[in-house]
Amino acid sequence: MSKLMSENKSQNNFDWSNISFNLHDLLTSFALLLCGLSLALVAIRLGPVAKWANYQSTCVEAISSKYPIEYAVRKCNGRSKVYQVK
């Protein structure tokens, strides 16, 4: 039993002086971390666009029951005048 405990103690002692950093792996890890953070920021910033798109879908569905879909899209975008092509 004592031999087993001494083996566990020797395995738990980690020698930090034997660590070597590979520059390529370090740069790759940093680049992946940077990409992950960038994607998280993009996802957060797209929240208001998702709310607007949901509102647009709801608005077009409600108005297109009474009017043609082209008019419903223009009305939901704030341009309810029918433009004449000259």
Protein backbone atom coordinates (compact mmCIF):
# COMPACT_ATOMS: atom_id res chain seq x y z
CA MET A 1 0.00 0.00 0.00
CA SER A 2 2.82 2.37 0.83
CA LYS A 3 4.45 1.67 -2.52
CA LEU A 4 1.23 2.62 -4.32
CA MET A 5 0.99 5.91 -2.41
CA SER A 6 4.59 6.79 -3.20
CA GLU A 7 3.97 6.13 -6.91
CA ASN A 8 0.91 8.40 -6.86
CA LYS A 9 2.92 11.18 -5.20
CA SER A 10 5.65 10.93 -7.79
CA GLN A 11 3.09 11.08 -10.60
CA ASN A 12 1.44 14.19 -9.13
CA ASN A 13 4.70 16.14 -9.09
CA PHE A 14 4.82 17.86 -12.46
CA ASP A 15 8.11 19.32 -13.59
CA TRP A 16 7.37 22.72 -15.16
CA SER A 17 10.97 23.10 -16.36
CA ASN A 18 10.49 20.37 -18.97
CA ILE A 19 7.75 22.26 -20.82
CA SER A 20 8.75 23.50 -24.24
CA PHE A 21 6.56 25.79 -26.31
CA ASN A 22 6.25 25.20 -29.99
CA LEU A 23 5.83 28.63 -31.62
CA HIS A 24 3.67 27.25 -34.42
CA ASP A 25 1.24 25.62 -31.99
CA LEU A 26 1.12 28.77 -29.86
CA LEU A 27 0.31 30.97 -32.86
CA THR A 28 -2.28 28.50 -34.12
CA SER A 29 -3.98 28.43 -30.71
CA PHE A 30 -3.98 32.23 -30.56
CA ALA A 31 -5.47 32.46 -34.07
CA LEU A 32 -8.22 29.97 -33.21
CA LEU A 33 -9.03 31.87 -30.03
CA LEU A 34 -9.19 35.13 -31.96
CA CYS A 35 -11.48 33.58 -34.58
CA GLY A 36 -13.76 32.19 -31.91
CA LEU A 37 -14.05 35.57 -30.20
CA SER A 38 -14.75 37.26 -33.52
CA LEU A 39 -17.54 34.83 -34.33
CA ALA A 40 -19.05 35.34 -30.88
CA LEU A 41 -19.07 39.11 -31.40
CA VAL A 42 -20.71 38.73 -34.81
CA ALA A 43 -23.40 36.50 -33.32
CA ILE A 44 -24.09 39.01 -30.56
CA ARG A 45 -24.24 41.94 -32.99
CA LEU A 46 -26.73 40.11 -35.26
CA GLY A 47 -29.38 39.97 -32.50
CA PRO A 48 -31.14 43.23 -33.49
CA VAL A 49 -31.14 42.18 -37.15
CA ALA A 50 -32.87 38.93 -36.18
CA LYS A 51 -35.54 40.87 -34.25
CA TRP A 52 -36.11 43.16 -37.24
CA ALA A 53 -36.38 40.19 -39.63
CA ASN A 54 -38.92 38.51 -37.35
CA TYR A 55 -40.97 41.71 -37.25
CA GLN A 56 -40.80 42.01 -41.05
CA SER A 57 -42.04 38.43 -41.49
CA THR A 58 -44.92 38.96 -39.09
CA CYS A 59 -45.86 42.27 -40.71
CA VAL A 60 -45.79 40.89 -44.26
CA GLU A 61 -47.88 37.87 -43.26
CA ALA A 62 -50.51 40.08 -41.61
CA ILE A 63 -50.78 42.63 -44.43
CA SER A 64 -50.51 40.18 -47.33
CA SER A 65 -53.84 38.64 -46.32
CA LYS A 66 -55.55 41.87 -47.51
CA TYR A 67 -53.16 43.20 -50.17
CA PRO A 68 -50.72 41.78 -52.74
CA ILE A 69 -47.39 40.69 -51.26
CA GLU A 70 -45.43 43.38 -53.14
CA TYR A 71 -47.51 46.10 -51.47
CA ALA A 72 -47.21 44.37 -48.07
CA VAL A 73 -43.40 44.35 -48.33
CA ARG A 74 -43.30 48.04 -49.28
CA LYS A 75 -45.73 48.94 -46.48
CA CYS A 76 -43.70 47.05 -43.86
CA ASN A 77 -40.56 48.81 -45.07
CA GLY A 78 -42.23 52.19 -44.61
CA ARG A 79 -42.80 52.88 -48.31
CA SER A 80 -46.47 52.29 -48.85
CA LYS A 81 -46.81 54.52 -51.91
CA VAL A 82 -47.12 52.64 -55.15
CA TYR A 83 -44.33 53.94 -57.35
CA GLN A 84 -45.12 54.54 -60.98
CA VAL A 85 -42.59 53.50 -63.55
CA LYS A 86 -42.17 56.22 -66.17
